[in-house]
Structures are given as C-alpha cells and as structure tokens.
Protein backbone atom coordinates (compact mmCIF):
# COMPACT_ATOMS: atom_id res chain seq x y z
CA MET A 1 97.94 103.90 71.65
CA ILE A 2 98.23 102.42 75.14
CA TRP A 3 98.88 105.78 76.77
CA LEU A 4 96.23 107.51 74.67
CA PHE A 5 93.60 105.00 75.76
CA ILE A 6 94.61 105.12 79.45
CA ALA A 7 94.88 108.92 79.51
CA SER A 8 91.46 109.45 77.89
CA LEU A 9 89.81 106.84 80.12
CA PHE A 10 91.18 108.01 83.46
CA SER A 11 90.81 111.70 82.67
CA MET A 12 87.09 111.08 82.16
CA LEU A 13 86.84 109.07 85.38
CA LEU A 14 88.72 111.71 87.38
CA ILE A 15 86.28 114.46 86.43
CA GLY A 16 83.33 112.30 87.48
CA VAL A 17 82.07 110.96 84.13
CA PRO A 18 80.22 107.63 84.67
CA VAL A 19 82.28 104.52 83.95
CA ALA A 20 80.25 103.36 80.94
CA ILE A 21 80.38 106.79 79.27
CA SER A 22 84.12 107.07 80.04
CA MET A 23 84.77 103.73 78.34
CA LEU A 24 82.72 104.77 75.33
CA ILE A 25 84.52 108.13 75.00
CA SER A 26 87.98 106.53 75.31
CA ALA A 27 87.04 104.03 72.57
CA VAL A 28 85.84 106.85 70.30
CA VAL A 29 89.06 108.82 70.93
CA LEU A 30 91.11 105.77 69.98
CA LEU A 31 89.09 105.04 66.84
CA VAL A 32 89.20 108.68 65.69
CA THR A 33 92.98 108.75 66.16
CA LEU A 34 93.29 105.57 64.10
CA GLY A 35 91.00 106.98 61.40
CA LEU A 36 88.56 104.11 61.90
CA PHE A 37 85.64 105.87 63.57
CA ASP A 38 82.27 104.85 62.17
CA THR A 39 78.92 105.41 63.91
CA GLY A 40 77.52 102.29 62.30
CA ILE A 41 80.26 100.10 63.76
CA LEU A 42 79.86 101.86 67.12
CA GLY A 43 76.14 101.06 67.21
CA GLU A 44 76.74 97.51 66.02
CA TYR A 45 79.20 96.73 68.80
CA LEU A 46 77.02 98.40 71.45
CA ILE A 47 74.14 96.10 70.52
CA LYS A 48 76.50 93.13 70.24
CA GLY A 49 77.80 93.85 73.73
CA ALA A 50 74.37 93.53 75.34
CA ASN A 51 73.04 90.84 73.00
CA SER A 52 74.76 87.92 74.72
CA PHE A 53 73.05 84.75 75.94
CA SER A 54 75.73 84.28 78.62
CA LEU A 55 75.09 87.76 80.03
CA MET A 56 71.47 86.77 80.64
CA ALA A 57 72.73 84.79 83.64
CA ILE A 58 73.47 88.06 85.46
CA PRO A 59 69.90 89.40 85.91
CA PHE A 60 68.69 85.98 87.05
CA PHE A 61 71.38 85.63 89.72
CA ILE A 62 70.75 89.21 90.84
CA LEU A 63 67.05 88.35 91.05
CA THR A 64 67.89 85.24 93.07
CA GLY A 65 69.77 87.34 95.62
CA GLU A 66 66.96 89.87 95.89
CA ILE A 67 64.35 87.16 96.41
CA MET A 68 66.50 85.41 99.02
CA ASN A 69 66.88 88.57 101.07
CA VAL A 70 63.19 89.48 100.96
CA GLY A 71 62.07 85.89 101.48
CA GLY A 72 63.80 85.38 104.82
CA VAL A 73 66.24 82.80 103.45
CA SER A 74 69.26 84.74 104.75
CA LYS A 75 68.01 84.57 108.35
CA ARG A 76 67.51 80.79 108.16
CA ILE A 77 71.06 80.26 106.88
CA VAL A 78 72.49 82.42 109.68
CA ASP A 79 70.43 80.55 112.29
CA PHE A 80 71.75 77.21 110.99
CA ALA A 81 75.39 78.38 111.09
CA THR A 82 74.85 79.80 114.59
CA SER A 83 73.52 76.48 115.84
CA LEU A 84 76.76 74.82 114.72
CA VAL A 85 79.47 77.17 116.03
CA GLY A 86 77.78 80.01 117.92
CA HIS A 87 78.76 78.56 121.31
CA ILE A 88 82.57 78.52 120.87
CA ARG A 89 84.86 81.47 121.61
CA GLY A 90 84.51 84.00 118.80
CA GLY A 91 81.67 81.85 117.53
CA LEU A 92 79.75 84.58 115.73
CA GLY A 93 82.83 85.30 113.61
CA TYR A 94 82.81 81.69 112.40
CA VAL A 95 79.09 82.07 111.77
CA VAL A 96 79.88 85.03 109.48
CA ILE A 97 82.37 82.94 107.48
CA ILE A 98 80.21 79.80 107.22
CA ALA A 99 77.10 81.78 106.30
CA GLY A 100 79.20 83.83 103.84
CA VAL A 101 80.29 80.68 102.00
CA ILE A 102 76.67 79.54 101.75
CA PHE A 103 75.53 82.99 100.61
CA ALA A 104 78.29 82.94 97.97
CA GLY A 105 76.65 79.94 96.40
CA LEU A 106 73.37 81.83 96.06
CA SER A 107 73.91 85.35 94.71
CA GLY A 108 77.38 85.78 93.11
CA SER A 109 77.68 89.35 94.40
CA ALA A 110 80.06 90.62 97.10
CA VAL A 111 77.96 93.70 97.80
CA ALA A 112 74.72 91.73 98.15
CA ASP A 113 76.34 89.13 100.42
CA THR A 114 77.98 91.75 102.64
CA ALA A 115 74.73 93.65 102.99
CA ALA A 116 72.77 90.49 103.87
CA LEU A 117 75.39 89.21 106.33
CA GLY A 118 76.04 92.59 107.87
CA ALA A 119 72.41 93.50 108.45
CA ILE A 120 71.87 90.36 110.53
CA LEU A 121 75.23 89.61 112.15
CA ILE A 122 77.06 92.90 112.77
CA PRO A 123 74.45 94.21 115.26
CA MET A 124 74.39 90.77 116.90
CA MET A 125 78.21 90.71 117.23
CA ILE A 126 78.33 94.22 118.68
CA SER A 127 75.66 93.38 121.25
CA LYS A 128 77.74 90.37 122.36
CA GLY A 129 80.84 92.50 122.99
CA TYR A 130 82.80 91.99 119.78
CA ASN A 131 85.01 94.83 118.60
CA LYS A 132 82.92 96.78 116.08
CA ASN A 133 85.81 97.47 113.69
CA ARG A 134 86.97 93.86 113.59
CA ALA A 135 83.44 92.47 113.30
CA THR A 136 82.72 94.76 110.35
CA GLY A 137 86.09 94.03 108.77
CA LEU A 138 85.50 90.28 108.94
CA THR A 139 82.03 90.64 107.42
CA ALA A 140 83.36 92.73 104.52
CA ALA A 141 86.28 90.36 103.93
CA THR A 142 83.92 87.38 103.92
CA GLY A 143 81.58 89.14 101.49
CA ILE A 144 84.07 88.99 98.61
CA ILE A 145 83.91 85.18 98.65
CA GLY A 146 80.63 85.82 96.81
CA THR A 147 82.60 86.76 93.67
CA ILE A 148 84.75 83.62 93.78
CA ILE A 149 82.54 80.63 94.63
CA PRO A 150 79.99 79.87 91.86
CA PRO A 151 77.77 81.46 90.74
CA SER A 152 79.99 84.52 90.32
CA ILE A 153 78.79 87.56 88.37
CA PRO A 154 82.37 88.86 87.73
CA MET A 155 83.33 85.47 86.28
CA ILE A 156 80.38 85.65 83.91
CA LEU A 157 81.62 89.06 82.74
CA PHE A 158 85.19 87.79 82.31
CA GLY A 159 83.94 84.75 80.38
CA VAL A 160 81.83 86.85 78.01
CA VAL A 161 84.48 89.49 77.31
CA GLY A 162 87.38 87.02 77.12
CA GLY A 163 85.58 84.23 75.28
CA VAL A 164 86.36 81.79 78.13
CA SER A 165 84.14 78.95 79.38
CA ILE A 166 82.00 80.29 82.22
CA THR A 167 81.35 76.77 83.50
CA LYS A 168 85.11 76.15 83.84
CA LEU A 169 85.54 79.51 85.59
CA PHE A 170 82.79 78.56 88.04
CA MET A 171 84.38 75.20 88.79
CA ALA A 172 87.81 76.80 89.18
CA GLY A 173 86.49 79.08 91.92
CA ILE A 174 85.31 76.39 94.35
CA VAL A 175 88.61 75.40 95.98
CA PRO A 176 90.14 78.93 96.14
CA GLY A 177 86.90 80.20 97.71
CA ILE A 178 87.08 77.52 100.38
CA LEU A 179 90.80 78.26 100.94
CA ILE A 180 90.00 81.92 101.56
CA ALA A 181 87.26 80.95 104.02
CA LEU A 182 89.68 78.65 105.90
CA GLY A 183 92.31 81.41 105.90
CA LEU A 184 89.81 83.83 107.43
CA MET A 185 88.94 81.27 110.11
CA VAL A 186 92.61 80.85 111.07
CA VAL A 187 93.11 84.61 111.34
CA TRP A 188 89.84 85.03 113.26
CA PHE A 189 90.97 82.38 115.76
CA PHE A 190 93.83 84.65 116.84
CA VAL A 191 92.01 87.97 116.39
CA ALA A 192 88.97 86.90 118.44
CA LYS A 193 91.14 86.34 121.51
CA ARG A 194 91.36 90.11 121.96
CA ASP A 195 87.60 90.50 122.41
CA GLU A 196 85.84 90.03 125.73
CA SER A 197 82.81 88.71 123.93
CA GLU A 198 79.96 86.61 125.23
CA THR A 199 79.54 83.07 123.99
CA MET A 200 76.10 81.80 123.09
CA ALA A 201 74.43 78.80 124.64
CA LYS A 202 75.39 75.56 122.93
CA ALA A 203 72.59 74.29 120.74
CA THR A 204 71.23 70.85 121.47
CA GLY A 205 71.14 68.16 118.83
CA LYS A 206 67.42 68.75 118.41
CA GLU A 207 67.92 72.52 117.96
CA ARG A 208 70.60 71.94 115.35
CA TRP A 209 68.38 69.53 113.48
CA THR A 210 65.50 72.02 113.57
CA ALA A 211 67.78 74.80 112.25
CA PHE A 212 69.01 72.47 109.49
CA VAL A 213 65.48 71.53 108.45
CA ARG A 214 64.44 75.20 108.40
CA ALA A 215 67.40 76.06 106.14
CA PHE A 216 67.49 72.83 104.12
CA TRP A 217 65.89 74.08 100.90
CA ALA A 218 68.13 77.15 100.86
CA LEU A 219 71.23 75.00 101.49
CA LEU A 220 70.24 72.78 98.60
CA LEU A 221 70.44 75.54 95.96
CA PRO A 222 74.29 75.76 95.70
CA VAL A 223 74.38 71.97 95.39
CA ILE A 224 71.82 72.06 92.56
CA ILE A 225 73.85 74.70 90.71
CA ILE A 226 77.21 72.92 91.03
CA VAL A 227 75.85 69.44 90.24
CA GLY A 228 73.84 70.79 87.31
CA LEU A 229 76.83 72.60 85.81
CA ARG A 230 79.26 69.74 86.38
CA GLY A 231 76.84 67.21 84.97
CA GLY A 232 76.07 69.31 81.90
CA ILE A 233 72.40 69.42 82.85
CA PHE A 234 72.20 73.18 82.23
CA THR A 235 74.38 76.10 81.13
CA PRO A 236 75.34 78.96 83.47
CA THR A 237 72.50 81.06 82.04
CA GLU A 238 69.99 78.26 82.55
CA ALA A 239 71.41 77.83 86.06
CA GLY A 240 70.46 81.45 86.74
CA VAL A 241 66.89 80.77 85.66
CA VAL A 242 66.72 77.61 87.80
CA ALA A 243 68.11 79.52 90.80
CA ALA A 244 65.64 82.40 90.45
CA VAL A 245 62.59 80.15 90.09
CA TYR A 246 63.77 77.90 92.91
CA ALA A 247 64.39 80.90 95.20
CA LEU A 248 60.91 82.24 94.47
CA ILE A 249 59.26 78.90 95.21
CA ILE A 250 61.01 78.33 98.55
CA SER A 251 60.58 81.97 99.64
CA ILE A 252 56.84 81.72 99.09
CA GLY A 253 56.87 78.24 100.68
CA TYR A 254 58.53 79.70 103.80
CA ARG A 255 55.59 82.16 103.90
CA GLU A 256 58.00 85.03 104.53
CA MET A 257 57.51 86.62 101.12
CA LYS A 258 54.25 87.85 99.65
CA LEU A 259 53.47 88.09 95.96
CA VAL A 260 52.73 91.80 96.36
CA GLU A 261 56.45 92.28 97.14
CA LEU A 262 57.52 90.88 93.77
CA PRO A 263 57.15 94.13 91.77
CA LYS A 264 59.61 95.89 94.09
CA VAL A 265 62.04 92.96 93.79
CA PHE A 266 61.81 93.09 89.98
CA VAL A 267 62.39 96.87 89.93
CA GLU A 268 65.52 96.59 92.11
CA THR A 269 66.80 93.77 89.90
CA ALA A 270 66.13 95.79 86.76
CA LYS A 271 68.04 98.80 88.11
CA THR A 272 71.13 96.76 88.91
CA THR A 273 70.92 94.79 85.67
CA GLY A 274 70.51 97.91 83.55
CA ILE A 275 73.71 99.43 84.90
CA THR A 276 75.69 96.21 84.50
CA MET A 277 74.48 95.50 80.96
CA PHE A 278 75.19 99.03 79.74
CA VAL A 279 78.72 98.87 81.14
CA ALA A 280 79.18 95.47 79.47
CA ALA A 281 77.97 96.85 76.13
CA THR A 282 80.39 99.79 76.23
CA ALA A 283 83.18 97.40 77.25
CA ILE A 284 82.69 95.47 74.01
CA VAL A 285 83.13 98.73 72.07
CA SER A 286 86.30 99.45 74.06
CA GLY A 287 87.49 95.90 73.38
CA TYR A 288 87.05 96.43 69.65
CA ALA A 289 88.98 99.72 69.78
CA ILE A 290 91.73 98.12 71.89
CA THR A 291 92.06 95.27 69.39
CA VAL A 292 92.26 97.40 66.24
CA GLY A 293 94.65 99.73 68.07
CA GLN A 294 96.92 96.69 68.65
CA ILE A 295 97.21 97.56 72.34
CA PRO A 296 97.50 93.91 73.46
CA ARG A 297 100.43 93.39 71.07
CA GLN A 298 102.15 96.55 72.31
CA LEU A 299 101.58 95.58 75.93
CA GLY A 300 102.81 92.05 75.23
CA GLU A 301 106.03 93.39 73.69
CA PHE A 302 106.54 95.68 76.68
CA LEU A 303 106.00 92.93 79.26
CA SER A 304 108.03 90.33 77.35
CA GLY A 305 110.88 92.83 77.40
CA MET A 306 110.71 92.63 81.19
CA THR A 307 110.41 88.84 81.52
CA THR A 308 109.36 85.71 79.64
CA ASN A 309 108.86 83.67 82.82
CA PRO A 310 105.11 82.96 83.16
CA THR A 311 105.13 83.04 86.98
CA LEU A 312 107.08 86.29 87.17
CA LEU A 313 104.84 87.79 84.48
CA LEU A 314 101.77 86.80 86.51
CA LEU A 315 103.21 88.40 89.64
CA ILE A 316 103.82 91.65 87.72
CA ILE A 317 100.25 91.61 86.35
CA MET A 318 98.84 90.81 89.82
CA LEU A 319 100.69 93.81 91.28
CA PHE A 320 99.29 96.00 88.51
CA LEU A 321 95.74 94.72 89.13
CA LEU A 322 96.05 95.27 92.88
CA ILE A 323 96.80 98.93 92.16
CA VAL A 324 93.90 99.08 89.67
CA GLY A 325 91.56 97.50 92.24
CA CYS A 326 92.36 100.25 94.75
CA VAL A 327 91.14 102.99 92.39
CA MET A 328 88.52 101.22 90.23
CA ASP A 329 85.50 99.07 90.96
CA LEU A 330 85.49 95.36 90.09
CA THR A 331 83.09 95.30 87.14
CA PRO A 332 84.63 98.06 84.98
CA ALA A 333 88.15 96.82 85.79
CA ILE A 334 87.30 93.35 84.47
CA LEU A 335 85.58 94.73 81.38
CA ILE A 336 88.40 97.16 80.57
CA PHE A 337 91.50 95.07 81.26
CA THR A 338 90.39 91.57 80.21
CA PRO A 339 90.77 92.27 76.45
CA VAL A 340 94.10 93.99 77.16
CA LEU A 341 95.72 91.36 79.40
CA LEU A 342 94.22 88.06 78.21
CA PRO A 343 96.14 87.95 74.87
CA VAL A 344 99.37 88.70 76.78
CA VAL A 345 98.99 85.76 79.18
CA LYS A 346 97.84 83.43 76.41
CA ALA A 347 101.01 84.25 74.48
CA VAL A 348 103.20 82.82 77.28
CA GLY A 349 101.05 79.70 77.71
CA ILE A 350 99.04 80.64 80.81
CA ASP A 351 95.62 78.95 81.01
CA PRO A 352 92.98 81.69 80.43
CA VAL A 353 90.60 80.07 82.96
CA TYR A 354 93.35 80.07 85.60
CA PHE A 355 94.21 83.68 84.80
CA GLY A 356 90.53 84.68 84.91
CA LEU A 357 90.17 83.26 88.40
CA LEU A 358 93.30 85.09 89.62
CA MET A 359 92.06 88.33 88.06
CA VAL A 360 88.65 88.04 89.73
CA ILE A 361 90.20 87.26 93.15
CA ASN A 362 92.68 90.11 92.78
CA LEU A 363 90.10 92.72 91.82
CA SER A 364 87.72 91.38 94.48
CA ILE A 365 90.36 92.18 97.08
CA GLY A 366 90.17 95.71 95.66
CA LEU A 367 86.57 95.83 96.88
CA ILE A 368 87.86 95.89 100.47
CA THR A 369 90.77 98.28 99.96
CA PRO A 370 90.44 102.07 100.21
CA PRO A 371 89.82 104.53 98.69
CA VAL A 372 87.24 103.02 96.29
CA GLY A 373 86.43 99.75 98.17
CA THR A 374 82.70 99.37 97.49
CA VAL A 375 82.25 96.58 100.02
CA LEU A 376 84.04 98.66 102.67
CA TYR A 377 81.45 101.39 102.25
CA VAL A 378 78.63 98.86 102.61
CA GLY A 379 80.11 97.48 105.84
CA ALA A 380 80.89 100.92 107.25
CA GLY A 381 77.35 102.07 106.44
CA ILE A 382 75.79 99.15 108.32
CA SER A 383 78.05 99.63 111.37
CA LYS A 384 77.97 103.43 111.20
CA ILE A 385 81.77 103.67 111.45
CA SER A 386 84.30 105.63 109.38
CA MET A 387 86.47 104.28 106.56
CA VAL A 388 89.52 104.68 108.81
CA GLU A 389 87.92 102.51 111.50
CA ILE A 390 86.85 99.72 109.15
CA THR A 391 90.29 99.77 107.49
CA LYS A 392 91.89 99.21 110.91
CA GLY A 393 89.57 96.26 111.47
CA ILE A 394 90.01 94.61 108.09
CA TRP A 395 93.78 94.57 107.57
CA PRO A 396 94.47 91.08 109.12
CA PHE A 397 91.85 89.54 106.83
CA LEU A 398 93.09 91.52 103.85
CA ALA A 399 96.62 90.23 104.50
CA VAL A 400 95.57 86.57 104.49
CA GLN A 401 93.60 87.00 101.27
CA PHE A 402 96.59 88.61 99.59
CA GLY A 403 98.74 85.71 100.86
CA ILE A 404 96.36 83.14 99.36
CA LEU A 405 96.42 85.01 96.04
CA ILE A 406 100.25 84.77 95.96
CA LEU A 407 99.99 81.09 96.90
CA LEU A 408 97.68 80.46 93.92
CA VAL A 409 100.13 82.24 91.60
CA LEU A 410 103.10 80.18 92.83
CA PHE A 411 101.20 76.87 92.86
CA PRO A 412 98.78 76.79 89.89
CA GLY A 413 97.86 73.18 90.68
CA LEU A 414 95.74 74.44 93.58
CA VAL A 415 93.38 75.76 90.91
CA THR A 416 93.93 73.61 87.82
CA VAL A 417 93.89 70.13 89.43
CA PRO A 418 90.53 70.42 91.25
CA MET A 419 89.11 72.36 88.29
CA GLU A 420 89.85 69.42 85.96
CA TRP A 421 88.14 67.06 88.40
CA PHE A 422 85.03 69.25 88.71
CA ILE A 423 84.52 69.57 84.95
CA LYS A 424 84.98 65.87 84.12
C-alpha cells in the first residue's frame, strides 16, 4: 500500500498534474485497490477537509500580509531596523535579518516575507556594493523564518491535519526562530567581510526614536498575537481576525493605503486562500485513504525494524524530509506526510508538537534548496539572477540552518522547555 500510494502520487506530479488533483487521484487509487471506494465518502471528506474552524486562520493571516505590504508597513519596519544597525559593517544584512524576524510575526508566509524584504532591501544592498548573490541568498534564507515564528501558516496546516494544538505549535516556534536568526547573523558577520560595501551614516538618537515611533504600531502586532495566545485571550483563528483588522486600521491610519485598494487586496487573498484550502481538503481525503490502508502501521513496522531509538528515528525521518523538501513544496509535503509520519513518532514517545516544529523547519529549508525551492525563485526574480547564482550565494546560510535543525533534534529541550513556559 505504501508503494502504491507513493507511485500513484509522484507519477501524477511528474507529468504535471496539480498537487491537489494528484493527491485526490492517489487517494482514489488506494481506495479502489482496497475495495472501499465510495463517492459519498469522497465528497464527505472533501467538505470535511475545508470545513475547519482552525483553517479559517489562514485567509486572515494572508490578508494581514497583503494589507501590510500595500499599506506601507513593510517600509516603516525596514527604516526602523536600518536606524539601529545600518551604520555597522555589513549593516544592511543585519537589517534584513532583524526586519525578517519582525515580518515573520506578521504574515506567517516565507514567500510573502521574502518578496516584501527583497523588494525593498535587495536593490538597496546592491547599490551599496554588496555582492548580489550573497545579498539575495541572505534575504531568501531569512524569509523562511516566516514559517517558524508565530503566526505560521504551515503550523496551522500541521495542527489541523495532525490534530495537534496550534497554539502550542506557535509557542514552540519562538525560540528556534530566534536561534535561526542569530545563526544567520553569525554567518553574515564572516561573509560580509568579503564585500567592499558602503556603510550608512549612523542614525542619531532622535532619528532612531522617530523611526521607532513611525513603526511602533506595526511592531506592536506580533506582541499582541503572542500575548493574546499565551494568555488564552483568543484562539489562533481569532488571532488571525485581530491581526487583519488591526493591520487595516493602522494602514489606513498611516495614510498610505486607500479604501479603493481594498478590493484588489481581497482578490489576491482569495486567490491564495482558494488554492491552499483546496489542497487542504484533498489532503484530508488522502489522510483517510492512508489510514484505512494502514500505511502508518506498515511504515512504523519498517522504521522500527531499523531502530527503536527516538533520536536516531528522528534523524532518519529528518533526512527523508530533507529529500522530500528538495522536490516538493512545503504545503503539500506537510499535508501528505503528516498523517503518515505522526503515528510513527507518537508510537516511540516523541512529542507531536516537537515533531511538528521539526517537520516545519525541515520542509521550510526545502523552500531554499533547488530544484523546487519556491523562495529561491522569488529571490532570484527580484534580483534578476539565475538559480545557479542564488544557490552559490545561499549555501553558507543554508548550512547554518541545517546545523540548527540537527541541534534541535539532538537537544529537544531547546524546544520543549521554552514551549512549556510560553503556554503556562
């Protein structure tokens, strides 16, 4: 059953069938083989897949990101970060990382964050003499922090498909996201020495204060989300609503967004949401087929035959997911492999929240690895460079992110201890 499911799924993907349709066809093939195919059940699970209160968080966070970009919020955040570190050697690289962490607390999307960061900072870095490949590589590598620090759209998907607390997943992502940002800063410190780049004039205390005031309301949003979730004031879905309304109010308050621009923002949000929700719905059908086909049990027996050590098992799964991330985008990979792998790790006593975080980080790294790397294409498109050139520029940052992933596998307390504190 395992090989039948994988063969039918990847054969569809290889001939160019859309991901959602491929997942649906592979589920039908599996159900027909098992003699359990029923159109009524198929329709029921398709509706069930989209009819989820938790999934409603996704369109609201997508809307938040769209409003932020149109409303000039992104520029204010970049200006604030620039006022802090723009004057030191390689300063604009640190601006990318600091702004990327702030952006991560707003949208929950690596692609959206990379596009927003890149549009503002990559041209600025190139004009100041930074190496184009390295500047683009850093921006792309920073963009994936958006899937780790809350609110994270991939974590919402994992939580819905795996039946895991989304709030706990959000809280678990805070420290690893900061660790990745610090790791990027350390690498950039050494990488930036190669560039003969210009430094910017050091901002005065008054200029920094002005930049802070201009960005204050935007900087407040991640705090509102984290405090609200930790304090039980609202659920992740309600947090999405709060974020979207808040973003709209401050964007209009900044007078950089007009009400006539709202219809376009809503249309773009609807397009992205429609794709995501349809993929999620078909993933629920695949999950049902995988369960009745006893694929998790078969996979568990196969892996337990290799090792019963939880850490070694995690390392094997991480290696598998790294390979998957190179050939498959983040969203379908989470939706396809969560129902397959989650029962396996639960069976050996691994915390599903901890595993979910590792899975999201792992597959996020896939976003900046060729040949599929979606975020790589976004960065390369902004800089107008080839995939080969951006790959040359990104490898030091890719290496440190992979190192941090291994560190989190070997030392689970880096995730579980702060997570317990955040959810108390």
